[in-house]
Amino acid sequence: MHYWSRSRACLWHKGATSGLGQRVVELRVDDDQDAIWARVAVADSGASCHVGYRSCFYRAIPVGVSAPDSLALTFTEEDKTFDPVAVYGDAPNPTQL
C-alpha cells in the first residue's frame, strides 16, 4: 500500500523501512467517489503503526462527555507489537504520545 505523508510531503510505500509491508485485500470507494477505504493484510507481526502498536488507531476519543477535563484519549491497545527503536532506529518520529 502507498500513502501520502503530510510530514514528508511525498508518497511512501508502507514497509519500505520497517519491512511491515501491506498487501491490499479490498478497496472501496464512497458514493461521491472522493474517498477510499482500504483493507490490507500486514506482513510479519501484523503490526502497522510506526510507534509499535498493531494499528495506528490505538487511542479512543470519549463520546458523550460534557466536561473538557474528561476528554483525555484512552488507549485501546495495552501492549506494543514490536519495538519501534529496533525497527526504525533513530529515524525521526512525528507522533507525540
C-alpha atoms as a PDB file:
ATOM      1  CA  MET A   1       0.000   0.000   0.000  1.00  0.00           C
ATOM      2  CA  HIS A   2       1.198   3.502  -0.747  1.00  0.00           C
ATOM      3  CA  TYR A   3       0.214   6.586   1.251  1.00  0.00           C
ATOM      4  CA  TRP A   4       0.613  10.342   1.109  1.00  0.00           C
ATOM      5  CA  SER A   5       2.659  11.597   4.040  1.00  0.00           C
ATOM      6  CA  ARG A   6       1.901  15.147   5.130  1.00  0.00           C
ATOM      7  CA  SER A   7       5.024  15.292   7.304  1.00  0.00           C
ATOM      8  CA  ARG A   8       7.281  14.052   4.474  1.00  0.00           C
ATOM      9  CA  ALA A   9       5.259  15.775   1.726  1.00  0.00           C
ATOM     10  CA  CYS A  10       5.571  12.753  -0.548  1.00  0.00           C
ATOM     11  CA  LEU A  11       4.159   9.346  -1.409  1.00  0.00           C
ATOM     12  CA  TRP A  12       5.655   6.471   0.554  1.00  0.00           C
ATOM     13  CA  HIS A  13       5.448   2.693   0.430  1.00  0.00           C
ATOM     14  CA  LYS A  14       4.406   1.179   3.757  1.00  0.00           C
ATOM     15  CA  GLY A  15       7.074  -1.270   4.825  1.00  0.00           C
ATOM     16  CA  ALA A  16       9.954   0.160   2.768  1.00  0.00           C
ATOM     17  CA  THR A  17      11.835   0.948   6.002  1.00  0.00           C
ATOM     18  CA  SER A  18      10.246  -1.386   8.559  1.00  0.00           C
ATOM     19  CA  GLY A  19       9.593  -4.450   6.427  1.00  0.00           C
ATOM     20  CA  LEU A  20       5.989  -4.358   7.700  1.00  0.00           C
ATOM     21  CA  GLY A  21       4.509  -4.128   4.214  1.00  0.00           C
ATOM     22  CA  GLN A  22       0.817  -4.086   3.477  1.00  0.00           C
ATOM     23  CA  ARG A  23      -0.889  -6.097   0.724  1.00  0.00           C
ATOM     24  CA  VAL A  24      -4.200  -4.654  -0.467  1.00  0.00           C
ATOM     25  CA  VAL A  25      -7.021  -7.149   0.110  1.00  0.00           C
ATOM     26  CA  GLU A  26     -10.001  -4.917  -0.714  1.00  0.00           C
ATOM     27  CA  LEU A  27     -10.603  -1.352  -1.890  1.00  0.00           C
ATOM     28  CA  ARG A  28     -13.906   0.509  -1.624  1.00  0.00           C
ATOM     29  CA  VAL A  29     -14.969   3.940  -2.789  1.00  0.00           C
ATOM     30  CA  ASP A  30     -17.689   6.136  -1.270  1.00  0.00           C
ATOM     31  CA  ASP A  31     -20.779   7.322  -3.132  1.00  0.00           C
ATOM     32  CA  ASP A  32     -19.147  10.628  -4.187  1.00  0.00           C
ATOM     33  CA  GLN A  33     -16.028   8.759  -5.317  1.00  0.00           C
ATOM     34  CA  ASP A  34     -13.847  11.200  -3.346  1.00  0.00           C
ATOM     35  CA  ALA A  35     -12.718   8.866  -0.548  1.00  0.00           C
ATOM     36  CA  ILE A  36     -11.343   5.341  -0.485  1.00  0.00           C
ATOM     37  CA  TRP A  37     -11.221   2.668   2.190  1.00  0.00           C
ATOM     38  CA  ALA A  38      -8.528   0.023   2.014  1.00  0.00           C
ATOM     39  CA  ARG A  39      -8.390  -3.301   3.811  1.00  0.00           C
ATOM     40  CA  VAL A  40      -4.861  -4.650   3.941  1.00  0.00           C
ATOM     41  CA  ALA A  41      -3.001  -7.723   5.135  1.00  0.00           C
ATOM     42  CA  VAL A  42       0.100  -6.766   7.095  1.00  0.00           C
ATOM     43  CA  ALA A  43       3.354  -8.707   6.782  1.00  0.00           C
ATOM     44  CA  ASP A  44       5.321 -10.281   9.626  1.00  0.00           C
ATOM     45  CA  SER A  45       3.974  -9.317  13.077  1.00  0.00           C
ATOM     46  CA  GLY A  46       0.699  -7.937  11.740  1.00  0.00           C
ATOM     47  CA  ALA A  47       1.563  -4.507  13.137  1.00  0.00           C
ATOM     48  CA  SER A  48       1.283  -1.394  11.014  1.00  0.00           C
ATOM     49  CA  CYS A  49       1.826   1.526  13.400  1.00  0.00           C
ATOM     50  CA  HIS A  50       5.253   3.174  13.397  1.00  0.00           C
ATOM     51  CA  VAL A  51       5.130   3.625  17.190  1.00  0.00           C
ATOM     52  CA  GLY A  52       4.820  -0.135  17.744  1.00  0.00           C
ATOM     53  CA  TYR A  53       1.098  -0.819  18.093  1.00  0.00           C
ATOM     54  CA  ARG A  54      -0.878  -3.221  15.881  1.00  0.00           C
ATOM     55  CA  SER A  55      -2.845  -0.297  14.443  1.00  0.00           C
ATOM     56  CA  CYS A  56      -2.335   3.452  14.313  1.00  0.00           C
ATOM     57  CA  PHE A  57      -5.835   3.760  15.804  1.00  0.00           C
ATOM     58  CA  TYR A  58      -4.826   2.683  19.325  1.00  0.00           C
ATOM     59  CA  ARG A  59      -6.464   5.643  21.119  1.00  0.00           C
ATOM     60  CA  ALA A  60     -10.163   6.378  21.541  1.00  0.00           C
ATOM     61  CA  ILE A  61     -11.863   9.750  21.962  1.00  0.00           C
ATOM     62  CA  PRO A  62     -14.570   9.668  24.639  1.00  0.00           C
ATOM     63  CA  VAL A  63     -18.065  10.414  23.344  1.00  0.00           C
ATOM     64  CA  GLY A  64     -20.984  11.764  25.311  1.00  0.00           C
ATOM     65  CA  VAL A  65     -18.717  13.561  27.792  1.00  0.00           C
ATOM     66  CA  SER A  66     -19.545  17.178  28.558  1.00  0.00           C
ATOM     67  CA  ALA A  67     -16.617  18.255  30.739  1.00  0.00           C
ATOM     68  CA  PRO A  68     -13.498  19.290  28.765  1.00  0.00           C
ATOM     69  CA  ASP A  69     -11.289  17.778  31.506  1.00  0.00           C
ATOM     70  CA  SER A  70     -12.727  14.331  30.695  1.00  0.00           C
ATOM     71  CA  LEU A  71     -11.646  14.375  27.058  1.00  0.00           C
ATOM     72  CA  ALA A  72      -8.388  12.518  27.637  1.00  0.00           C
ATOM     73  CA  LEU A  73      -7.696   9.892  24.992  1.00  0.00           C
ATOM     74  CA  THR A  74      -7.944   6.308  26.202  1.00  0.00           C
ATOM     75  CA  PHE A  75      -5.589   3.629  24.935  1.00  0.00           C
ATOM     76  CA  THR A  76      -7.375   0.691  23.288  1.00  0.00           C
ATOM     77  CA  GLU A  77      -4.199  -1.399  22.995  1.00  0.00           C
ATOM     78  CA  GLU A  78      -2.084  -2.020  26.091  1.00  0.00           C
ATOM     79  CA  ASP A  79       0.991  -3.689  24.641  1.00  0.00           C
ATOM     80  CA  LYS A  80       3.079  -2.767  21.648  1.00  0.00           C
ATOM     81  CA  THR A  81       3.530  -5.430  18.984  1.00  0.00           C
ATOM     82  CA  PHE A  82       7.147  -4.509  18.255  1.00  0.00           C
ATOM     83  CA  ASP A  83       9.885  -2.181  19.487  1.00  0.00           C
ATOM     84  CA  PRO A  84       9.932   0.831  17.132  1.00  0.00           C
ATOM     85  CA  VAL A  85      13.540   1.701  18.049  1.00  0.00           C
ATOM     86  CA  ALA A  86      14.652  -1.786  16.990  1.00  0.00           C
ATOM     87  CA  VAL A  87      12.828  -1.400  13.654  1.00  0.00           C
ATOM     88  CA  TYR A  88      13.380   2.290  12.806  1.00  0.00           C
ATOM     89  CA  GLY A  89      16.480   3.134  14.819  1.00  0.00           C
ATOM     90  CA  ASP A  90      16.898   6.871  15.359  1.00  0.00           C
ATOM     91  CA  ALA A  91      14.697   7.907  12.391  1.00  0.00           C
ATOM     92  CA  PRO A  92      12.554  10.947  13.263  1.00  0.00           C
ATOM     93  CA  ASN A  93       9.075  10.118  14.522  1.00  0.00           C
ATOM     94  CA  PRO A  94       6.420  12.854  14.253  1.00  0.00           C
ATOM     95  CA  THR A  95       3.967  11.088  16.594  1.00  0.00           C
ATOM     96  CA  GLN A  96       3.579  12.611  20.041  1.00  0.00           C
ATOM     97  CA  LEU A  97       2.339  10.109  22.639  1.00  0.00           C
END
